[in-house]
């Protein structure tokens, strides 16, 4: 009975934690630079940097201005800019509509 109760209370979205904050994106000039995971930065990949999430964590990022969402893999540490919570790859920023703005408020949903 306890197992059934636990299963009924689990979120159905597949995401366990939600964060909000300011996002920015990597400059194209960083293409090929080594990330904290050891992978080279690829501006066309769906990746991001976060200060504390485990490398390899998948997160859903929604740009609150456009309502558009992408799923990215955390493969680097950052952002270094004060007040930012995540740095997105160029491709992720482009799909969100954030690239022209340079930065903007996002919601981050962490996969469980």
Protein backbone atom coordinates (compact mmCIF):
# COMPACT_ATOMS: atom_id res chain seq x y z
CA UNK A 1 0.00 0.00 0.00
CA UNK A 2 2.84 2.40 0.85
CA UNK A 3 4.45 1.76 -2.57
CA UNK A 4 1.19 2.69 -4.30
CA UNK A 5 0.97 5.89 -2.27
CA UNK A 6 4.56 6.84 -3.15
CA UNK A 7 3.99 6.18 -6.85
CA UNK A 8 0.87 8.34 -6.86
CA UNK A 9 2.73 11.32 -5.40
CA UNK A 10 5.63 11.34 -7.86
CA UNK A 11 5.56 14.19 -10.39
CA UNK A 12 4.54 13.08 -13.87
CA UNK A 13 6.58 15.69 -15.73
CA UNK A 14 9.93 13.88 -15.49
CA UNK A 15 11.52 16.92 -13.84
CA UNK A 16 12.28 17.11 -10.13
CA UNK A 17 13.44 20.68 -9.51
CA UNK A 18 12.61 24.06 -11.03
CA UNK A 19 14.85 27.14 -10.92
CA UNK A 20 14.40 30.63 -12.36
CA UNK A 21 17.05 33.15 -13.25
CA UNK A 22 18.97 35.01 -15.92
CA UNK A 23 20.52 33.09 -18.82
CA UNK A 24 23.13 34.09 -21.36
CA UNK A 25 24.94 32.19 -24.09
CA UNK A 26 28.48 31.36 -25.17
CA UNK A 27 30.12 33.64 -27.72
CA UNK A 28 30.80 31.97 -31.06
CA UNK A 29 34.51 32.76 -30.55
CA UNK A 30 34.62 30.03 -27.85
CA UNK A 31 33.95 27.32 -30.47
CA UNK A 32 36.32 24.39 -29.83
CA UNK A 33 37.45 25.50 -26.35
CA UNK A 34 37.61 22.69 -23.80
CA UNK A 35 34.64 22.50 -21.39
CA UNK A 36 34.74 21.21 -17.81
CA UNK A 37 33.56 17.80 -19.07
CA UNK A 38 36.55 17.61 -21.42
CA UNK A 39 34.38 17.98 -24.52
CA UNK A 40 35.17 20.84 -26.90
CA UNK A 41 32.50 23.54 -26.94
CA UNK A 42 30.28 23.07 -29.99
CA UNK A 43 28.04 26.04 -30.72
CA UNK A 44 25.67 23.77 -32.67
CA UNK A 45 25.19 21.26 -29.82
CA UNK A 46 22.42 21.50 -27.23
CA UNK A 47 24.62 22.07 -24.18
CA UNK A 48 24.97 24.51 -21.28
CA UNK A 49 27.10 25.55 -18.32
CA UNK A 50 25.87 25.61 -14.72
CA UNK A 51 27.85 26.23 -11.54
CA UNK A 52 26.65 23.28 -9.45
CA UNK A 53 24.55 20.78 -11.41
CA UNK A 54 26.33 17.51 -12.06
CA UNK A 55 28.00 17.32 -15.47
CA UNK A 56 25.81 15.26 -17.78
CA UNK A 57 22.56 16.44 -16.16
CA UNK A 58 19.79 17.14 -18.65
CA UNK A 59 17.66 20.22 -18.08
CA UNK A 60 14.71 21.79 -19.84
CA UNK A 61 15.19 25.53 -20.29
CA UNK A 62 12.21 27.77 -21.09
CA UNK A 63 12.77 31.37 -22.14
CA UNK A 64 9.98 33.21 -20.35
CA UNK A 65 9.79 35.98 -22.97
CA UNK A 66 9.00 33.61 -25.86
CA UNK A 67 7.65 30.57 -24.04
CA UNK A 68 9.97 28.38 -26.12
CA UNK A 69 11.79 25.44 -24.50
CA UNK A 70 14.85 23.32 -25.26
CA UNK A 71 16.51 20.41 -23.52
CA UNK A 72 20.26 20.76 -22.95
CA UNK A 73 23.02 18.73 -21.33
CA UNK A 74 25.21 20.39 -18.69
CA UNK A 75 28.80 19.92 -19.85
CA UNK A 76 30.59 22.96 -18.43
CA UNK A 77 30.91 25.19 -15.36
CA UNK A 78 29.70 28.76 -15.31
CA UNK A 79 28.36 31.23 -16.07
CA UNK A 80 31.03 33.66 -14.98
CA UNK A 81 28.83 36.76 -15.39
CA UNK A 82 27.36 37.92 -12.09
CA UNK A 83 23.64 37.33 -11.73
CA UNK A 84 23.42 34.61 -14.40
CA UNK A 85 22.35 31.05 -13.60
CA UNK A 86 23.06 29.27 -16.89
CA UNK A 87 25.08 29.79 -20.07
CA UNK A 88 23.57 28.20 -23.17
CA UNK A 89 25.19 27.06 -26.38
CA UNK A 90 24.56 29.23 -29.42
CA UNK A 91 22.15 26.66 -30.87
CA UNK A 92 20.09 26.48 -27.67
CA UNK A 93 19.94 30.28 -27.41
CA UNK A 94 18.90 30.52 -31.07
CA UNK A 95 16.06 28.00 -30.66
CA UNK A 96 14.77 29.85 -27.60
CA UNK A 97 14.83 33.22 -29.34
CA UNK A 98 17.31 34.47 -26.74
CA UNK A 99 20.33 34.98 -29.00
CA UNK A 100 19.28 38.40 -30.32
CA UNK A 101 18.51 39.60 -26.78
CA UNK A 102 21.87 38.39 -25.42
CA UNK A 103 20.37 37.33 -22.10
CA UNK A 104 16.98 36.87 -20.52
CA UNK A 105 14.93 35.30 -17.75
CA UNK A 106 14.49 31.54 -17.97
CA UNK A 107 12.97 28.68 -16.07
CA UNK A 108 15.20 25.62 -15.66
CA UNK A 109 13.67 22.23 -14.94
CA UNK A 110 16.16 19.62 -13.76
CA UNK A 111 15.59 16.01 -14.88
CA UNK A 112 15.26 13.43 -12.15
